[in-house]
Amino acid sequence: MVKGISRRVVVVDSPDQRYFEQAIFIVRNDAAGEGVSARELVEEAKRVARNYAGGDHGRFSRFCRMNPAVYTLLGAGGIGLAWLTVALI
C-alpha cells in the first residue's frame, strides 16, 4: 500500500555484514522542528544500533555484565554453603 507521504530515514551500515547489511531508522516528523542536525541524527542512530546489538535486552543482561571473578566467588560461596549445610546435618 502506498500512501504518498515522504519520510526521512537514516541508514546505518552494519560493521559485520554476515547477517545484516543495514539498519534503517525512520525519523519522526517533529524531530526537524526541535533543531536537531543531520549529524546528530546519524550519531543517535549509530548509538541506538550499537546498544541494540550489544544485547542489553535480555532478562539476565545485568547479571551477564558482571566480572567473571564475581561468578567465581558466587559459585564458591554457594558450594561452601551447600557443604556446610550437609556437614551440619
Protein backbone atom coordinates (compact mmCIF):
# COMPACT_ATOMS: atom_id res chain seq x y z
CA MET A 1 0.00 0.00 0.00
CA VAL A 2 1.42 3.38 -0.99
CA LYS A 3 0.34 6.42 0.98
CA GLY A 4 2.20 9.16 -0.82
CA ILE A 5 3.84 10.56 2.30
CA SER A 6 7.55 11.22 2.19
CA ARG A 7 9.54 10.30 5.27
CA ARG A 8 13.09 10.96 6.34
CA VAL A 9 15.24 7.96 7.08
CA VAL A 10 18.72 7.34 8.44
CA VAL A 11 20.55 4.29 7.08
CA VAL A 12 23.40 2.86 9.16
CA ASP A 13 25.67 0.23 7.60
CA SER A 14 26.44 -2.83 9.68
CA PRO A 15 30.07 -3.25 10.77
CA ASP A 16 29.73 -7.05 10.48
CA GLN A 17 27.72 -7.84 7.37
CA ARG A 18 27.48 -11.56 8.00
CA TYR A 19 23.77 -11.33 8.85
CA PHE A 20 22.66 -7.73 8.28
CA GLU A 21 23.67 -5.16 5.73
CA GLN A 22 21.96 -2.05 7.09
CA ALA A 23 19.73 -0.68 9.80
CA ILE A 24 17.08 1.79 8.67
CA PHE A 25 15.67 4.34 11.12
CA ILE A 26 12.56 6.33 10.27
CA VAL A 27 12.91 9.87 11.61
CA ARG A 28 9.95 11.38 13.43
CA ASN A 29 8.31 14.33 11.73
CA ASP A 30 8.76 16.62 14.72
CA ALA A 31 12.49 15.87 15.07
CA ALA A 32 13.37 18.53 12.49
CA GLY A 33 11.38 21.13 14.40
CA GLU A 34 13.44 20.59 17.54
CA GLY A 35 16.61 21.90 15.92
CA VAL A 36 18.30 18.51 15.56
CA SER A 37 21.03 18.46 12.94
CA ALA A 38 21.54 15.68 10.41
CA ARG A 39 24.84 14.78 12.07
CA GLU A 40 23.13 14.40 15.45
CA LEU A 41 20.50 12.14 13.88
CA VAL A 42 23.17 9.90 12.37
CA GLU A 43 25.12 9.74 15.65
CA GLU A 44 21.96 8.87 17.59
CA ALA A 45 21.08 6.16 15.05
CA LYS A 46 24.57 4.68 15.38
CA ARG A 47 24.34 4.75 19.18
CA VAL A 48 20.95 3.03 19.17
CA ALA A 49 22.11 0.38 16.72
CA ARG A 50 25.28 -0.26 18.75
CA ASN A 51 23.33 -0.53 22.02
CA TYR A 52 20.75 -2.82 20.47
CA ALA A 53 23.42 -5.11 19.07
CA GLY A 54 25.11 -5.10 22.48
CA GLY A 55 22.46 -7.41 23.86
CA ASP A 56 21.10 -5.26 26.67
CA HIS A 57 17.60 -6.59 26.10
CA GLY A 58 17.76 -9.96 27.76
CA ARG A 59 16.33 -10.96 31.07
CA PHE A 60 19.76 -11.55 32.59
CA SER A 61 21.63 -8.72 30.88
CA ARG A 62 22.60 -7.05 34.16
CA PHE A 63 23.83 -10.35 35.60
CA CYS A 64 25.85 -11.17 32.49
CA ARG A 65 27.75 -7.88 32.63
CA MET A 66 29.36 -8.81 35.96
CA ASN A 67 33.03 -9.55 36.23
CA PRO A 68 33.94 -13.26 35.93
CA ALA A 69 35.61 -13.04 39.36
CA VAL A 70 32.17 -12.34 40.82
CA TYR A 71 30.84 -15.51 39.17
CA THR A 72 33.69 -17.43 40.76
CA LEU A 73 33.04 -16.00 44.22
CA LEU A 74 29.29 -16.64 43.96
CA GLY A 75 29.92 -20.24 42.89
CA ALA A 76 32.46 -20.85 45.66
CA GLY A 77 30.12 -19.33 48.22
CA GLY A 78 27.23 -21.48 47.02
CA ILE A 79 29.30 -24.67 47.17
CA GLY A 80 30.63 -23.72 50.60
CA LEU A 81 27.11 -23.11 51.87
CA ALA A 82 25.92 -26.44 50.46
CA TRP A 83 28.87 -28.24 52.05
CA LEU A 84 28.24 -26.58 55.41
CA THR A 85 24.55 -27.49 55.29
CA VAL A 86 25.34 -31.13 54.52
CA ALA A 87 28.11 -31.30 57.13
CA LEU A 88 25.88 -29.98 59.91
CA ILE A 89 23.00 -32.34 59.20
